[in-house]
PDB file of all heavy atoms in Angstrom:
ATOM      1  N   HIS A   1      -2.631 -32.097 -53.622  1.00  0.00           N
ATOM      2  CA  HIS A   1      -1.419 -31.544 -53.005  1.00  0.00           C
ATOM      3  C   HIS A   1      -0.673 -32.619 -52.215  1.00  0.00           C
ATOM      4  O   HIS A   1       0.564 -32.686 -52.262  1.00  0.00           O
ATOM      5  CB  HIS A   1      -1.786 -30.377 -52.086  1.00  0.00           C
ATOM      6  CG  HIS A   1      -2.437 -29.233 -52.797  1.00  0.00           C
ATOM      7  ND1 HIS A   1      -1.744 -28.379 -53.628  1.00  0.00           N
ATOM      8  CD2 HIS A   1      -3.724 -28.801 -52.809  1.00  0.00           C
ATOM      9  CE1 HIS A   1      -2.566 -27.468 -54.119  1.00  0.00           C
ATOM     10  NE2 HIS A   1      -3.779 -27.697 -53.637  1.00  0.00           N
ATOM     11  N   LEU A   2      -1.403 -33.451 -51.494  1.00  0.00           N
ATOM     12  CA  LEU A   2      -0.768 -34.513 -50.721  1.00  0.00           C
ATOM     13  C   LEU A   2      -0.117 -35.539 -51.644  1.00  0.00           C
ATOM     14  O   LEU A   2       0.980 -36.039 -51.360  1.00  0.00           O
ATOM     15  CB  LEU A   2      -1.786 -35.185 -49.801  1.00  0.00           C
ATOM     16  CG  LEU A   2      -2.484 -34.307 -48.758  1.00  0.00           C
ATOM     17  CD1 LEU A   2      -3.366 -35.166 -47.850  1.00  0.00           C
ATOM     18  CD2 LEU A   2      -1.475 -33.521 -47.930  1.00  0.00           C
ATOM     19  N   ARG A   3      -0.789 -35.855 -52.738  1.00  0.00           N
ATOM     20  CA  ARG A   3      -0.202 -36.809 -53.688  1.00  0.00           C
ATOM     21  C   ARG A   3       1.106 -36.278 -54.255  1.00  0.00           C
ATOM     22  O   ARG A   3       2.091 -37.016 -54.362  1.00  0.00           O
ATOM     23  CB  ARG A   3      -1.200 -37.088 -54.817  1.00  0.00           C
ATOM     24  CG  ARG A   3      -2.447 -37.850 -54.394  1.00  0.00           C
ATOM     25  CD  ARG A   3      -3.292 -38.194 -55.612  1.00  0.00           C
ATOM     26  NE  ARG A   3      -4.621 -38.681 -55.250  1.00  0.00           N
ATOM     27  CZ  ARG A   3      -5.745 -38.064 -55.561  1.00  0.00           C
ATOM     28  NH1 ARG A   3      -5.727 -36.924 -56.252  1.00  0.00           N
ATOM     29  NH2 ARG A   3      -6.910 -38.572 -55.194  1.00  0.00           N
ATOM     30  N   ARG A   4       1.111 -35.005 -54.636  1.00  0.00           N
ATOM     31  CA  ARG A   4       2.334 -34.432 -55.214  1.00  0.00           C
ATOM     32  C   ARG A   4       3.480 -34.415 -54.202  1.00  0.00           C
ATOM     33  O   ARG A   4       4.649 -34.565 -54.581  1.00  0.00           O
ATOM     34  CB  ARG A   4       2.060 -33.011 -55.720  1.00  0.00           C
ATOM     35  CG  ARG A   4       1.326 -32.957 -57.045  1.00  0.00           C
ATOM     36  CD  ARG A   4       1.380 -31.572 -57.664  1.00  0.00           C
ATOM     37  NE  ARG A   4       0.659 -30.589 -56.868  1.00  0.00           N
ATOM     38  CZ  ARG A   4      -0.639 -30.304 -57.029  1.00  0.00           C
ATOM     39  NH1 ARG A   4      -1.339 -30.940 -57.953  1.00  0.00           N
ATOM     40  NH2 ARG A   4      -1.216 -29.390 -56.283  1.00  0.00           N
ATOM     41  N   GLN A   5       3.149 -34.233 -52.925  1.00  0.00           N
ATOM     42  CA  GLN A   5       4.188 -34.215 -51.894  1.00  0.00           C
ATOM     43  C   GLN A   5       4.617 -35.607 -51.472  1.00  0.00           C
ATOM     44  O   GLN A   5       5.604 -35.768 -50.748  1.00  0.00           O
ATOM     45  CB  GLN A   5       3.681 -33.456 -50.662  1.00  0.00           C
ATOM     46  CG  GLN A   5       3.702 -31.961 -50.837  1.00  0.00           C
ATOM     47  CD  GLN A   5       3.273 -31.202 -49.604  1.00  0.00           C
ATOM     48  OE1 GLN A   5       3.000 -30.029 -49.682  1.00  0.00           O
ATOM     49  NE2 GLN A   5       3.232 -31.839 -48.442  1.00  0.00           N
ATOM     50  N   GLY A   6       3.864 -36.613 -51.863  1.00  0.00           N
ATOM     51  CA  GLY A   6       4.221 -37.980 -51.530  1.00  0.00           C
ATOM     52  C   GLY A   6       3.653 -38.486 -50.227  1.00  0.00           C
ATOM     53  O   GLY A   6       4.103 -39.509 -49.709  1.00  0.00           O
ATOM     54  N   GLY A   7       2.645 -37.802 -49.689  1.00  0.00           N
ATOM     55  CA  GLY A   7       2.008 -38.303 -48.471  1.00  0.00           C
ATOM     56  C   GLY A   7       1.377 -37.208 -47.643  1.00  0.00           C
ATOM     57  O   GLY A   7       1.520 -36.016 -47.931  1.00  0.00           O
ATOM     58  N   GLY A   8       0.688 -37.637 -46.600  1.00  0.00           N
ATOM     59  CA  GLY A   8       0.045 -36.709 -45.685  1.00  0.00           C
ATOM     60  C   GLY A   8      -1.026 -37.428 -44.884  1.00  0.00           C
ATOM     61  O   GLY A   8      -1.264 -38.627 -45.064  1.00  0.00           O
ATOM     62  N   THR A   9      -1.664 -36.694 -44.000  1.00  0.00           N
ATOM     63  CA  THR A   9      -2.641 -37.279 -43.080  1.00  0.00           C
ATOM     64  C   THR A   9      -3.936 -36.479 -43.124  1.00  0.00           C
ATOM     65  O   THR A   9      -3.916 -35.249 -43.108  1.00  0.00           O
ATOM     66  CB  THR A   9      -2.110 -37.286 -41.637  1.00  0.00           C
ATOM     67  OG1 THR A   9      -0.836 -37.923 -41.603  1.00  0.00           O
ATOM     68  CG2 THR A   9      -3.063 -38.033 -40.713  1.00  0.00           C
ATOM     69  N   ILE A  10      -5.048 -37.202 -43.161  1.00  0.00           N
ATOM     70  CA  ILE A  10      -6.374 -36.596 -43.067  1.00  0.00           C
ATOM     71  C   ILE A  10      -7.061 -37.162 -41.834  1.00  0.00           C
ATOM     72  O   ILE A  10      -7.144 -38.388 -41.672  1.00  0.00           O
ATOM     73  CB  ILE A  10      -7.210 -36.881 -44.319  1.00  0.00           C
ATOM     74  CG1 ILE A  10      -6.562 -36.223 -45.547  1.00  0.00           C
ATOM     75  CG2 ILE A  10      -8.646 -36.386 -44.143  1.00  0.00           C
ATOM     76  CD1 ILE A  10      -7.184 -36.630 -46.869  1.00  0.00           C
ATOM     77  N   VAL A  11      -7.514 -36.292 -40.953  1.00  0.00           N
ATOM     78  CA  VAL A  11      -8.243 -36.721 -39.756  1.00  0.00           C
ATOM     79  C   VAL A  11      -9.658 -36.162 -39.824  1.00  0.00           C
ATOM     80  O   VAL A  11      -9.839 -34.944 -39.954  1.00  0.00           O
ATOM     81  CB  VAL A  11      -7.562 -36.252 -38.461  1.00  0.00           C
ATOM     82  CG1 VAL A  11      -8.350 -36.759 -37.247  1.00  0.00           C
ATOM     83  CG2 VAL A  11      -6.124 -36.748 -38.392  1.00  0.00           C
ATOM     84  N   ASN A  12     -10.627 -37.040 -39.762  1.00  0.00           N
ATOM     85  CA  ASN A  12     -12.034 -36.650 -39.737  1.00  0.00           C
ATOM     86  C   ASN A  12     -12.559 -36.792 -38.321  1.00  0.00           C
ATOM     87  O   ASN A  12     -12.564 -37.903 -37.766  1.00  0.00           O
ATOM     88  CB  ASN A  12     -12.841 -37.524 -40.700  1.00  0.00           C
ATOM     89  CG  ASN A  12     -12.466 -37.279 -42.151  1.00  0.00           C
ATOM     90  OD1 ASN A  12     -12.238 -36.148 -42.560  1.00  0.00           O
ATOM     91  ND2 ASN A  12     -12.386 -38.344 -42.931  1.00  0.00           N
ATOM     92  N   VAL A  13     -12.939 -35.670 -37.711  1.00  0.00           N
ATOM     93  CA  VAL A  13     -13.524 -35.716 -36.367  1.00  0.00           C
ATOM     94  C   VAL A  13     -14.962 -36.185 -36.527  1.00  0.00           C
ATOM     95  O   VAL A  13     -15.832 -35.439 -36.981  1.00  0.00           O
ATOM     96  CB  VAL A  13     -13.441 -34.351 -35.673  1.00  0.00           C
ATOM     97  CG1 VAL A  13     -14.089 -34.430 -34.299  1.00  0.00           C
ATOM     98  CG2 VAL A  13     -11.983 -33.901 -35.547  1.00  0.00           C
ATOM     99  N   ASN A  14     -15.185 -37.418 -36.187  1.00  0.00           N
ATOM    100  CA  ASN A  14     -16.458 -38.090 -36.384  1.00  0.00           C
ATOM    101  C   ASN A  14     -17.284 -37.996 -35.106  1.00  0.00           C
ATOM    102  O   ASN A  14     -17.337 -36.952 -34.468  1.00  0.00           O
ATOM    103  CB  ASN A  14     -16.187 -39.535 -36.820  1.00  0.00           C
ATOM    104  CG  ASN A  14     -17.320 -40.151 -37.617  1.00  0.00           C
ATOM    105  OD1 ASN A  14     -18.465 -40.157 -37.195  1.00  0.00           O
ATOM    106  ND2 ASN A  14     -16.988 -40.685 -38.773  1.00  0.00           N
ATOM    107  N   SER A  15     -17.903 -39.068 -34.690  1.00  0.00           N
ATOM    108  CA  SER A  15     -18.750 -39.112 -33.500  1.00  0.00           C
ATOM    109  C   SER A  15     -19.091 -40.564 -33.236  1.00  0.00           C
ATOM    110  O   SER A  15     -19.054 -41.404 -34.141  1.00  0.00           O
ATOM    111  CB  SER A  15     -20.038 -38.312 -33.728  1.00  0.00           C
ATOM    112  OG  SER A  15     -21.005 -38.593 -32.734  1.00  0.00           O
ATOM    113  N   GLU A  16     -19.455 -40.861 -31.989  1.00  0.00           N
ATOM    114  CA  GLU A  16     -20.019 -42.185 -31.711  1.00  0.00           C
ATOM    115  C   GLU A  16     -21.192 -42.483 -32.628  1.00  0.00           C
ATOM    116  O   GLU A  16     -21.463 -43.637 -32.957  1.00  0.00           O
ATOM    117  CB  GLU A  16     -20.479 -42.265 -30.254  1.00  0.00           C
ATOM    118  CG  GLU A  16     -19.392 -42.545 -29.251  1.00  0.00           C
ATOM    119  CD  GLU A  16     -19.968 -42.840 -27.886  1.00  0.00           C
ATOM    120  OE1 GLU A  16     -20.764 -42.010 -27.383  1.00  0.00           O
ATOM    121  OE2 GLU A  16     -19.639 -43.905 -27.313  1.00  0.00           O
ATOM    122  N   ALA A  17     -21.884 -41.420 -33.055  1.00  0.00           N
ATOM    123  CA  ALA A  17     -23.025 -41.594 -33.952  1.00  0.00           C
ATOM    124  C   ALA A  17     -22.604 -42.112 -35.317  1.00  0.00           C
ATOM    125  O   ALA A  17     -23.448 -42.572 -36.086  1.00  0.00           O
ATOM    126  CB  ALA A  17     -23.771 -40.275 -34.108  1.00  0.00           C
ATOM    127  N   GLY A  18     -21.307 -42.055 -35.632  1.00  0.00           N
ATOM    128  CA  GLY A  18     -20.809 -42.626 -36.869  1.00  0.00           C
ATOM    129  C   GLY A  18     -20.566 -44.122 -36.781  1.00  0.00           C
ATOM    130  O   GLY A  18     -20.209 -44.755 -37.776  1.00  0.00           O
ATOM    131  N   LEU A  19     -20.766 -44.684 -35.587  1.00  0.00           N
ATOM    132  CA  LEU A  19     -20.652 -46.131 -35.369  1.00  0.00           C
ATOM    133  C   LEU A  19     -21.992 -46.767 -35.015  1.00  0.00           C
ATOM    134  O   LEU A  19     -22.272 -47.896 -35.383  1.00  0.00           O
ATOM    135  CB  LEU A  19     -19.657 -46.422 -34.240  1.00  0.00           C
ATOM    136  CG  LEU A  19     -18.212 -46.032 -34.493  1.00  0.00           C
ATOM    137  CD1 LEU A  19     -17.397 -46.179 -33.213  1.00  0.00           C
ATOM    138  CD2 LEU A  19     -17.611 -46.891 -35.612  1.00  0.00           C
ATOM    139  N   ARG A  20     -22.810 -46.005 -34.273  1.00  0.00           N
ATOM    140  CA  ARG A  20     -24.115 -46.510 -33.864  1.00  0.00           C
ATOM    141  C   ARG A  20     -25.070 -45.329 -33.711  1.00  0.00           C
ATOM    142  O   ARG A  20     -24.799 -44.392 -32.963  1.00  0.00           O
ATOM    143  CB  ARG A  20     -24.010 -47.272 -32.535  1.00  0.00           C
ATOM    144  CG  ARG A  20     -25.337 -47.881 -32.057  1.00  0.00           C
ATOM    145  CD  ARG A  20     -25.135 -48.676 -30.782  1.00  0.00           C
ATOM    146  NE  ARG A  20     -24.250 -49.814 -30.987  1.00  0.00           N
ATOM    147  CZ  ARG A  20     -24.647 -50.993 -31.462  1.00  0.00           C
ATOM    148  NH1 ARG A  20     -25.921 -51.186 -31.775  1.00  0.00           N
ATOM    149  NH2 ARG A  20     -23.785 -51.977 -31.609  1.00  0.00           N
ATOM    150  N   ALA A  21     -26.179 -45.400 -34.414  1.00  0.00           N
ATOM    151  CA  ALA A  21     -27.160 -44.323 -34.345  1.00  0.00           C
ATOM    152  C   ALA A  21     -27.893 -44.352 -33.005  1.00  0.00           C
ATOM    153  O   ALA A  21     -27.979 -45.382 -32.339  1.00  0.00           O
ATOM    154  CB  ALA A  21     -28.163 -44.454 -35.488  1.00  0.00           C
ATOM    155  N   SER A  22     -28.406 -43.189 -32.624  1.00  0.00           N
ATOM    156  CA  SER A  22     -29.180 -43.094 -31.385  1.00  0.00           C
ATOM    157  C   SER A  22     -30.181 -41.962 -31.517  1.00  0.00           C
ATOM    158  O   SER A  22     -30.029 -41.064 -32.365  1.00  0.00           O
ATOM    159  CB  SER A  22     -28.264 -42.826 -30.184  1.00  0.00           C
ATOM    160  OG  SER A  22     -27.739 -41.513 -30.248  1.00  0.00           O
ATOM    161  N   ALA A  23     -31.204 -42.004 -30.669  1.00  0.00           N
ATOM    162  CA  ALA A  23     -32.181 -40.918 -30.662  1.00  0.00           C
ATOM    163  C   ALA A  23     -31.525 -39.607 -30.246  1.00  0.00           C
ATOM    164  O   ALA A  23     -31.956 -38.532 -30.671  1.00  0.00           O
ATOM    165  CB  ALA A  23     -33.336 -41.264 -29.726  1.00  0.00           C
ATOM    166  N   LYS A  24     -30.486 -39.687 -29.426  1.00  0.00           N
ATOM    167  CA  LYS A  24     -29.799 -38.481 -28.968  1.00  0.00           C
ATOM    168  C   LYS A  24     -29.173 -37.723 -30.130  1.00  0.00           C
ATOM    169  O   LYS A  24     -29.221 -36.491 -30.184  1.00  0.00           O
ATOM    170  CB  LYS A  24     -28.725 -38.850 -27.943  1.00  0.00           C
ATOM    171  CG  LYS A  24     -27.952 -37.663 -27.416  1.00  0.00           C
ATOM    172  CD  LYS A  24     -26.956 -38.087 -26.334  1.00  0.00           C
ATOM    173  CE  LYS A  24     -25.812 -38.890 -26.892  1.00  0.00           C
ATOM    174  NZ  LYS A  24     -24.771 -39.171 -25.865  1.00  0.00           N
ATOM    175  N   SER A  25     -28.587 -38.438 -31.081  1.00  0.00           N
ATOM    176  CA  SER A  25     -27.894 -37.781 -32.190  1.00  0.00           C
ATOM    177  C   SER A  25     -28.847 -37.341 -33.290  1.00  0.00           C
ATOM    178  O   SER A  25     -28.620 -36.319 -33.942  1.00  0.00           O
ATOM    179  CB  SER A  25     -26.830 -38.713 -32.768  1.00  0.00           C
ATOM    180  OG  SER A  25     -27.422 -39.896 -33.263  1.00  0.00           O
ATOM    181  N   GLY A  26     -29.904 -38.095 -33.513  1.00  0.00           N
ATOM    182  CA  GLY A  26     -30.842 -37.769 -34.574  1.00  0.00           C
ATOM    183  C   GLY A  26     -30.439 -38.358 -35.908  1.00  0.00           C
ATOM    184  O   GLY A  26     -29.278 -38.721 -36.143  1.00  0.00           O
ATOM    185  N   ALA A  27     -31.414 -38.429 -36.820  1.00  0.00           N
ATOM    186  CA  ALA A  27     -31.212 -39.121 -38.092  1.00  0.00           C
ATOM    187  C   ALA A  27     -30.198 -38.423 -38.990  1.00  0.00           C
ATOM    188  O   ALA A  27     -29.288 -39.069 -39.531  1.00  0.00           O
ATOM    189  CB  ALA A  27     -32.554 -39.249 -38.821  1.00  0.00           C
ATOM    190  N   ALA A  28     -30.332 -37.112 -39.181  1.00  0.00           N
ATOM    191  CA  ALA A  28     -29.438 -36.413 -40.109  1.00  0.00           C
ATOM    192  C   ALA A  28     -27.991 -36.498 -39.647  1.00  0.00           C
ATOM    193  O   ALA A  28     -27.080 -36.724 -40.452  1.00  0.00           O
ATOM    194  CB  ALA A  28     -29.872 -34.951 -40.243  1.00  0.00           C
ATOM    195  N   TYR A  29     -27.776 -36.306 -38.352  1.00  0.00           N
ATOM    196  CA  TYR A  29     -26.420 -36.354 -37.807  1.00  0.00           C
ATOM    197  C   TYR A  29     -25.837 -37.753 -37.977  1.00  0.00           C
ATOM    198  O   TYR A  29     -24.678 -37.903 -38.404  1.00  0.00           O
ATOM    199  CB  TYR A  29     -26.466 -35.956 -36.337  1.00  0.00           C
ATOM    200  CG  TYR A  29     -25.120 -35.694 -35.714  1.00  0.00           C
ATOM    201  CD1 TYR A  29     -24.460 -34.491 -35.920  1.00  0.00           C
ATOM    202  CD2 TYR A  29     -24.505 -36.642 -34.885  1.00  0.00           C
ATOM    203  CE1 TYR A  29     -23.225 -34.230 -35.334  1.00  0.00           C
ATOM    204  CE2 TYR A  29     -23.276 -36.391 -34.301  1.00  0.00           C
ATOM    205  CZ  TYR A  29     -22.643 -35.190 -34.526  1.00  0.00           C
ATOM    206  OH  TYR A  29     -21.428 -34.940 -33.950  1.00  0.00           O
ATOM    207  N   ALA A  30     -26.621 -38.779 -37.682  1.00  0.00           N
ATOM    208  CA  ALA A  30     -26.128 -40.154 -37.813  1.00  0.00           C
ATOM    209  C   ALA A  30     -25.795 -40.483 -39.262  1.00  0.00           C
ATOM    210  O   ALA A  30     -24.753 -41.077 -39.554  1.00  0.00           O
ATOM    211  CB  ALA A  30     -27.160 -41.132 -37.262  1.00  0.00           C
ATOM    212  N   VAL A  31     -26.664 -40.092 -40.171  1.00  0.00           N
ATOM    213  CA  VAL A  31     -26.400 -40.354 -41.595  1.00  0.00           C
ATOM    214  C   VAL A  31     -25.110 -39.665 -42.027  1.00  0.00           C
ATOM    215  O   VAL A  31     -24.271 -40.252 -42.717  1.00  0.00           O
ATOM    216  CB  VAL A  31     -27.590 -39.878 -42.454  1.00  0.00           C
ATOM    217  CG1 VAL A  31     -27.220 -39.876 -43.931  1.00  0.00           C
ATOM    218  CG2 VAL A  31     -28.806 -40.771 -42.216  1.00  0.00           C
ATOM    219  N   SER A  32     -24.941 -38.414 -41.605  1.00  0.00           N
ATOM    220  CA  SER A  32     -23.731 -37.674 -42.001  1.00  0.00           C
ATOM    221  C   SER A  32     -22.477 -38.313 -41.426  1.00  0.00           C
ATOM    222  O   SER A  32     -21.447 -38.388 -42.104  1.00  0.00           O
ATOM    223  CB  SER A  32     -23.840 -36.212 -41.563  1.00  0.00           C
ATOM    224  OG  SER A  32     -23.776 -36.067 -40.155  1.00  0.00           O
ATOM    225  N   LYS A  33     -22.547 -38.785 -40.194  1.00  0.00           N
ATOM    226  CA  LYS A  33     -21.361 -39.350 -39.558  1.00  0.00           C
ATOM    227  C   LYS A  33     -21.058 -40.761 -40.056  1.00  0.00           C
ATOM    228  O   LYS A  33     -19.888 -41.143 -40.160  1.00  0.00           O
ATOM    229  CB  LYS A  33     -21.531 -39.323 -38.036  1.00  0.00           C
ATOM    230  CG  LYS A  33     -21.559 -37.909 -37.456  1.00  0.00           C
ATOM    231  CD  LYS A  33     -20.279 -37.127 -37.767  1.00  0.00           C
ATOM    232  CE  LYS A  33     -20.240 -35.781 -37.075  1.00  0.00           C
ATOM    233  NZ  LYS A  33     -18.989 -35.039 -37.318  1.00  0.00           N
ATOM    234  N   PHE A  34     -22.094 -41.546 -40.365  1.00  0.00           N
ATOM    235  CA  PHE A  34     -21.837 -42.837 -41.006  1.00  0.00           C
ATOM    236  C   PHE A  34     -21.169 -42.618 -42.360  1.00  0.00           C
ATOM    237  O   PHE A  34     -20.257 -43.360 -42.742  1.00  0.00           O
ATOM    238  CB  PHE A  34     -23.143 -43.618 -41.176  1.00  0.00           C
ATOM    239  CG  PHE A  34     -23.445 -44.568 -40.062  1.00  0.00           C
ATOM    240  CD1 PHE A  34     -23.952 -44.111 -38.846  1.00  0.00           C
ATOM    241  CD2 PHE A  34     -23.226 -45.926 -40.209  1.00  0.00           C
ATOM    242  CE1 PHE A  34     -24.237 -44.983 -37.813  1.00  0.00           C
ATOM    243  CE2 PHE A  34     -23.506 -46.813 -39.182  1.00  0.00           C
ATOM    244  CZ  PHE A  34     -24.010 -46.340 -37.974  1.00  0.00           C
ATOM    245  N   GLY A  35     -21.604 -41.600 -43.089  1.00  0.00           N
ATOM    246  CA  GLY A  35     -20.968 -41.284 -44.356  1.00  0.00           C
ATOM    247  C   GLY A  35     -19.516 -40.880 -44.182  1.00  0.00           C
ATOM    248  O   GLY A  35     -18.654 -41.241 -44.997  1.00  0.00           O
ATOM    249  N   LEU A  36     -19.225 -40.134 -43.114  1.00  0.00           N
ATOM    250  CA  LEU A  36     -17.850 -39.724 -42.842  1.00  0.00           C
ATOM    251  C   LEU A  36     -16.972 -40.935 -42.525  1.00  0.00           C
ATOM    252  O   LEU A  36     -15.790 -40.972 -42.895  1.00  0.00           O
ATOM    253  CB  LEU A  36     -17.837 -38.729 -41.686  1.00  0.00           C
ATOM    254  CG  LEU A  36     -16.572 -37.902 -41.479  1.00  0.00           C
ATOM    255  CD1 LEU A  36     -16.220 -37.104 -42.721  1.00  0.00           C
ATOM    256  CD2 LEU A  36     -16.738 -36.978 -40.276  1.00  0.00           C
ATOM    257  N   THR A  37     -17.542 -41.928 -41.857  1.00  0.00           N
ATOM    258  CA  THR A  37     -16.814 -43.176 -41.614  1.00  0.00           C
ATOM    259  C   THR A  37     -16.438 -43.838 -42.940  1.00  0.00           C
ATOM    260  O   THR A  37     -15.295 -44.273 -43.137  1.00  0.00           O
ATOM    261  CB  THR A  37     -17.664 -44.138 -40.776  1.00  0.00           C
ATOM    262  OG1 THR A  37     -17.997 -43.519 -39.526  1.00  0.00           O
ATOM    263  CG2 THR A  37     -16.935 -45.443 -40.512  1.00  0.00           C
ATOM    264  N   GLY A  38     -17.386 -43.888 -43.860  1.00  0.00           N
ATOM    265  CA  GLY A  38     -17.112 -44.481 -45.171  1.00  0.00           C
ATOM    266  C   GLY A  38     -16.096 -43.693 -45.958  1.00  0.00           C
ATOM    267  O   GLY A  38     -15.254 -44.273 -46.658  1.00  0.00           O
ATOM    268  N   LEU A  39     -16.138 -42.369 -45.849  1.00  0.00           N
ATOM    269  CA  LEU A  39     -15.159 -41.538 -46.549  1.00  0.00           C
ATOM    270  C   LEU A  39     -13.749 -41.816 -46.037  1.00  0.00           C
ATOM    271  O   LEU A  39     -12.805 -41.958 -46.829  1.00  0.00           O
ATOM    272  CB  LEU A  39     -15.516 -40.067 -46.361  1.00  0.00           C
ATOM    273  CG  LEU A  39     -14.536 -39.045 -46.960  1.00  0.00           C
ATOM    274  CD1 LEU A  39     -14.404 -39.224 -48.464  1.00  0.00           C
ATOM    275  CD2 LEU A  39     -14.972 -37.621 -46.612  1.00  0.00           C
TER     276      LEU A  39
END
């Protein structure tokens, strides 16, 4: 839909855990947020 309209914005609400893992965030959360950074 965005391509057909010629543009648009996607915002992914990530986390500090998407930049640096920590025991506070846990493994699954960190993996998911690092993946969101890559997306």
